[in-house]
């Protein structure tokens, strides 16, 4: 089991240093619209329902575990040595460093 995280529309998570996944929204039929972007490469938008997996590469994948109201629960599988960071934490850390 990987990291389980909940995201709302327009919230992102970075996997390692080269992957950003953003929840674009939820379709009327309860599918999560995920934007998966790799630095230096193309991005893709994929809809996934509960239980469905978006495979990024051989070592990384995202499974939609639940869709509720305006949020989606994701299970992110990645190598243990890769950080998985909610992107809003970058802004918080930058503000704290600025004092």
Protein backbone atom coordinates (compact mmCIF):
# COMPACT_ATOMS: atom_id res chain seq x y z
CA UNK A 1 0.00 0.00 0.00
CA UNK A 2 1.24 3.45 -0.89
CA UNK A 3 0.43 6.88 0.44
CA UNK A 4 -3.28 7.67 0.72
CA UNK A 5 -4.11 11.34 0.22
CA UNK A 6 -7.28 13.38 -0.30
CA UNK A 7 -7.40 16.15 -2.89
CA UNK A 8 -9.99 18.73 -3.92
CA UNK A 9 -10.31 20.27 -7.38
CA UNK A 10 -7.21 22.19 -8.48
CA UNK A 11 -5.05 20.69 -5.70
CA UNK A 12 -1.85 18.96 -6.73
CA UNK A 13 0.72 16.52 -5.45
CA UNK A 14 4.30 16.09 -6.63
CA UNK A 15 5.80 12.62 -6.92
CA UNK A 16 9.56 12.78 -6.84
CA UNK A 17 11.08 15.73 -8.65
CA UNK A 18 9.52 15.19 -12.07
CA UNK A 19 5.82 14.29 -11.75
CA UNK A 20 2.92 16.57 -10.82
CA UNK A 21 -0.62 15.22 -10.50
CA UNK A 22 -3.51 17.67 -10.28
CA UNK A 23 -7.16 16.90 -9.62
CA UNK A 24 -8.95 18.96 -12.26
CA UNK A 25 -12.41 18.06 -11.05
CA UNK A 26 -15.01 15.34 -10.78
CA UNK A 27 -17.25 14.37 -13.69
CA UNK A 28 -21.02 13.99 -13.26
CA UNK A 29 -20.56 10.19 -13.32
CA UNK A 30 -18.12 10.43 -10.35
CA UNK A 31 -14.84 10.02 -12.22
CA UNK A 32 -11.79 11.97 -11.07
CA UNK A 33 -10.21 14.02 -13.87
CA UNK A 34 -6.46 13.80 -13.21
CA UNK A 35 -3.80 15.83 -14.98
CA UNK A 36 -0.47 14.00 -14.96
CA UNK A 37 2.50 16.09 -16.05
CA UNK A 38 6.15 15.03 -16.27
CA UNK A 39 8.86 17.72 -16.33
CA UNK A 40 10.38 18.02 -19.76
CA UNK A 41 7.58 16.01 -21.33
CA UNK A 42 3.95 16.09 -22.23
CA UNK A 43 1.04 16.04 -19.86
CA UNK A 44 -2.09 13.94 -20.07
CA UNK A 45 -5.58 14.24 -18.62
CA UNK A 46 -7.22 10.97 -17.62
CA UNK A 47 -10.61 10.25 -16.05
CA UNK A 48 -10.58 7.45 -13.49
CA UNK A 49 -13.41 5.98 -11.44
CA UNK A 50 -13.24 4.38 -8.02
CA UNK A 51 -10.93 1.36 -8.14
CA UNK A 52 -9.31 2.40 -11.39
CA UNK A 53 -5.56 3.01 -11.76
CA UNK A 54 -3.60 5.59 -13.74
CA UNK A 55 -0.19 4.03 -14.39
CA UNK A 56 2.52 6.65 -14.79
CA UNK A 57 5.46 4.31 -15.41
CA UNK A 58 6.80 0.97 -14.17
CA UNK A 59 7.30 2.27 -10.62
CA UNK A 60 4.53 4.85 -10.12
CA UNK A 61 0.77 4.63 -10.23
CA UNK A 62 -2.29 6.34 -8.80
CA UNK A 63 -5.46 4.53 -7.77
CA UNK A 64 -8.74 6.34 -7.14
CA UNK A 65 -9.98 4.97 -3.82
CA UNK A 66 -13.02 7.16 -3.33
CA UNK A 67 -15.00 10.10 -4.68
CA UNK A 68 -17.07 12.04 -2.19
CA UNK A 69 -18.70 15.43 -2.57
CA UNK A 70 -15.91 17.63 -4.00
CA UNK A 71 -12.90 15.53 -3.00
CA UNK A 72 -11.11 12.43 -4.20
CA UNK A 73 -9.07 9.95 -2.17
CA UNK A 74 -6.00 8.68 -4.03
CA UNK A 75 -3.54 5.90 -3.26
CA UNK A 76 -0.14 6.84 -4.69
CA UNK A 77 2.40 4.08 -5.26
CA UNK A 78 6.00 5.21 -5.79
CA UNK A 79 9.49 4.09 -4.82
CA UNK A 80 10.24 4.65 -1.12
CA UNK A 81 13.10 7.05 -1.91
CA UNK A 82 10.78 9.49 -3.74
CA UNK A 83 9.09 12.27 -1.82
CA UNK A 84 5.36 12.73 -2.27
CA UNK A 85 4.49 16.33 -1.42
CA UNK A 86 1.22 18.27 -1.44
CA UNK A 87 2.08 21.32 -3.52
CA UNK A 88 0.40 23.77 -1.12
CA UNK A 89 3.20 22.93 1.32
CA UNK A 90 5.71 24.67 -0.98
CA UNK A 91 3.89 27.99 -0.49
CA UNK A 92 3.72 27.47 3.27
CA UNK A 93 7.42 26.66 3.48
CA UNK A 94 8.33 29.66 1.29
CA UNK A 95 6.26 31.98 3.50
CA UNK A 96 7.89 30.60 6.65
CA UNK A 97 11.37 31.03 5.16
CA UNK A 98 10.57 34.63 4.19
CA UNK A 99 9.75 35.29 7.81
